[in-house]
């Protein structure tokens, strides 16, 4: 008797769920270009570096997006031994849908690859503006703390670029 009541309750819950989550926008592919501003107390003065990368915007619902990304830059571009860095991240963005203008904030975590692999954590803040149905432009500021035994590296990334949307929204 208890099993059939539990099964009936579970069936009622499943049937009451919406058919699918409604995402405000389709999946998008973005290109990022900007500047990286790394700082570290152990490395002394570090110069700004050009950075670039790409990301995929995967809307889950209209106010939440999962965004895997890859960013390339140099830790110390003027130093001959300055390390090239690649950040591979998973970003969780919370969006405020205001029509064509969408500000967002979120958290990021991932791996930074230099001569070794180090974890990083941080935050994301920015906005996108829809130009036409499948094209947005965006700007964002990312903060990443790369955790390293030799000394943590804090990096501010300032990006802008296009975001191409695919499919129907």
Protein backbone atom coordinates (compact mmCIF):
# COMPACT_ATOMS: atom_id res chain seq x y z
CA UNK A 1 0.00 0.00 0.00
CA UNK A 2 2.77 2.45 0.95
CA UNK A 3 4.65 1.59 -2.24
CA UNK A 4 1.66 2.36 -4.45
CA UNK A 5 1.00 5.66 -2.61
CA UNK A 6 4.66 6.65 -3.06
CA UNK A 7 4.54 5.66 -6.73
CA UNK A 8 1.34 7.66 -7.20
CA UNK A 9 2.87 10.72 -5.51
CA UNK A 10 6.02 10.44 -7.66
CA UNK A 11 3.93 10.14 -10.84
CA UNK A 12 1.91 13.23 -9.85
CA UNK A 13 5.12 15.22 -9.30
CA UNK A 14 6.61 14.15 -12.64
CA UNK A 15 3.40 14.91 -14.55
CA UNK A 16 3.13 18.35 -12.95
CA UNK A 17 6.60 19.41 -14.18
CA UNK A 18 6.70 21.69 -17.23
CA UNK A 19 7.45 20.04 -20.57
CA UNK A 20 10.78 21.87 -20.87
CA UNK A 21 12.69 24.74 -19.35
CA UNK A 22 12.25 27.91 -21.36
CA UNK A 23 15.54 29.59 -22.20
CA UNK A 24 15.26 33.21 -23.37
CA UNK A 25 18.05 32.85 -25.93
CA UNK A 26 19.53 30.02 -27.98
CA UNK A 27 23.03 28.62 -27.44
CA UNK A 28 25.78 31.02 -28.50
CA UNK A 29 29.47 31.07 -29.39
CA UNK A 30 31.46 34.09 -28.25
CA UNK A 31 34.91 35.43 -29.04
CA UNK A 32 36.73 37.39 -26.35
CA UNK A 33 39.54 39.90 -26.86
CA UNK A 34 40.99 42.19 -24.25
CA UNK A 35 43.63 42.68 -21.65
CA UNK A 36 44.88 40.62 -18.69
CA UNK A 37 46.21 42.39 -15.60
CA UNK A 38 48.03 39.78 -13.47
CA UNK A 39 49.47 40.64 -10.03
CA UNK A 40 51.50 38.58 -7.59
CA UNK A 41 53.44 39.52 -4.47
CA UNK A 42 56.09 36.87 -5.29
CA UNK A 43 56.64 37.88 -8.93
CA UNK A 44 56.99 41.64 -8.37
CA UNK A 45 55.72 44.04 -11.02
CA UNK A 46 53.90 42.26 -13.84
CA UNK A 47 52.96 44.05 -17.04
CA UNK A 48 49.51 43.91 -18.64
CA UNK A 49 49.13 41.42 -21.48
CA UNK A 50 46.83 41.03 -24.44
CA UNK A 51 44.43 38.13 -24.04
CA UNK A 52 41.89 36.38 -26.19
CA UNK A 53 39.70 33.32 -26.12
CA UNK A 54 36.29 31.88 -26.76
CA UNK A 55 33.29 30.63 -24.85
CA UNK A 56 29.99 28.85 -25.33
CA UNK A 57 26.85 30.31 -23.74
CA UNK A 58 24.45 27.50 -22.80
CA UNK A 59 21.21 28.99 -21.43
CA UNK A 60 19.51 26.70 -18.91
CA UNK A 61 16.67 29.09 -18.10
CA UNK A 62 16.19 32.76 -18.99
CA UNK A 63 18.14 33.89 -15.91
CA UNK A 64 20.89 31.24 -15.68
CA UNK A 65 23.60 30.25 -18.16
CA UNK A 66 26.47 27.76 -17.98
CA UNK A 67 29.46 29.05 -19.93
CA UNK A 68 32.58 26.95 -20.55
CA UNK A 69 35.48 29.15 -21.70
CA UNK A 70 39.14 29.16 -22.69
CA UNK A 71 41.35 32.25 -22.38
CA UNK A 72 44.99 32.66 -23.51
CA UNK A 73 47.42 35.28 -22.16
CA UNK A 74 50.95 35.74 -20.77
CA UNK A 75 51.71 36.13 -17.07
CA UNK A 76 54.65 38.52 -17.69
CA UNK A 77 54.89 39.48 -21.41
CA UNK A 78 58.03 41.69 -21.15
CA UNK A 79 60.03 39.01 -19.32
CA UNK A 80 61.63 36.55 -21.77
CA UNK A 81 60.84 33.69 -19.39
CA UNK A 82 57.29 34.98 -18.80
CA UNK A 83 54.86 32.10 -18.81
CA UNK A 84 52.09 31.68 -21.33
CA UNK A 85 48.86 30.85 -19.54
CA UNK A 86 45.66 29.15 -20.62
CA UNK A 87 42.58 29.30 -18.40
CA UNK A 88 39.97 26.62 -18.97
CA UNK A 89 36.92 27.56 -16.91
CA UNK A 90 33.33 26.73 -16.19
CA UNK A 91 31.32 29.89 -15.51
CA UNK A 92 27.90 30.06 -13.90
CA UNK A 93 26.23 33.32 -14.97
CA UNK A 94 23.08 34.82 -13.49
CA UNK A 95 21.39 37.12 -16.00
CA UNK A 96 18.93 39.96 -15.56
CA UNK A 97 16.86 39.87 -18.79
CA UNK A 98 15.95 43.47 -19.67
CA UNK A 99 15.05 43.04 -23.32
CA UNK A 100 18.02 43.57 -25.63
CA UNK A 101 20.26 44.60 -22.69
CA UNK A 102 21.24 41.80 -20.29
CA UNK A 103 23.58 42.49 -17.37
CA UNK A 104 25.07 39.42 -15.71
CA UNK A 105 27.16 38.35 -12.72
CA UNK A 106 28.55 34.97 -11.86
CA UNK A 107 31.23 32.71 -10.48
CA UNK A 108 34.00 30.87 -12.28
CA UNK A 109 36.27 27.94 -11.48
CA UNK A 110 38.73 25.95 -13.53
CA UNK A 111 42.34 25.14 -14.31
CA UNK A 112 45.17 27.48 -15.32
CA UNK A 113 47.91 25.86 -17.38
CA UNK A 114 51.36 27.46 -17.33
CA UNK A 115 54.40 25.23 -16.72
CA UNK A 116 52.10 23.35 -14.34
CA UNK A 117 48.37 23.02 -13.75
CA UNK A 118 46.87 25.17 -10.98
CA UNK A 119 43.24 25.62 -9.96
CA UNK A 120 41.61 29.03 -10.18
CA UNK A 121 38.41 30.54 -8.78
CA UNK A 122 36.82 33.92 -9.28
CA UNK A 123 33.93 36.05 -10.42
CA UNK A 124 32.44 37.50 -13.61
CA UNK A 125 30.57 40.77 -14.14
CA UNK A 126 29.35 42.20 -17.44
CA UNK A 127 26.56 42.84 -19.89
CA UNK A 128 25.49 41.91 -23.41
CA UNK A 129 23.46 43.91 -25.91
CA UNK A 130 21.49 42.26 -28.70
CA UNK A 131 22.20 43.94 -32.05
CA UNK A 132 20.18 41.66 -34.35
CA UNK A 133 18.36 38.38 -33.67
CA UNK A 134 21.49 36.21 -33.68
CA UNK A 135 24.26 38.66 -32.73
CA UNK A 136 25.10 40.25 -29.39
CA UNK A 137 28.05 42.37 -28.35
CA UNK A 138 29.23 42.06 -24.78
CA UNK A 139 31.78 43.38 -22.31
CA UNK A 140 32.89 41.70 -19.12
CA UNK A 141 35.35 41.94 -16.26
CA UNK A 142 36.61 38.67 -14.81
CA UNK A 143 38.64 38.21 -11.64
CA UNK A 144 40.59 34.98 -11.22
CA UNK A 145 42.74 33.87 -8.31
CA UNK A 146 45.17 31.19 -9.48
CA UNK A 147 46.25 29.09 -6.52
CA UNK A 148 49.93 28.11 -6.70
CA UNK A 149 52.44 26.84 -4.11
CA UNK A 150 55.01 29.38 -5.37
CA UNK A 151 52.56 32.23 -4.81
CA UNK A 152 49.00 32.95 -5.82
CA UNK A 153 48.43 35.07 -8.93
CA UNK A 154 45.43 37.43 -9.12
CA UNK A 155 44.37 38.34 -12.63
CA UNK A 156 41.78 40.84 -13.83
CA UNK A 157 40.58 40.20 -17.38
CA UNK A 158 38.72 42.91 -19.29
CA UNK A 159 37.01 41.59 -22.43
CA UNK A 160 34.69 42.62 -25.22
CA UNK A 161 33.53 40.88 -28.36
CA UNK A 162 30.75 39.36 -30.41
CA UNK A 163 28.41 36.57 -29.31
CA UNK A 164 26.79 34.62 -32.16
CA UNK A 165 23.48 32.87 -31.31
CA UNK A 166 22.34 29.68 -33.07
CA UNK A 167 18.78 28.38 -33.44
CA UNK A 168 15.49 29.80 -32.31
CA UNK A 169 15.10 31.59 -29.00
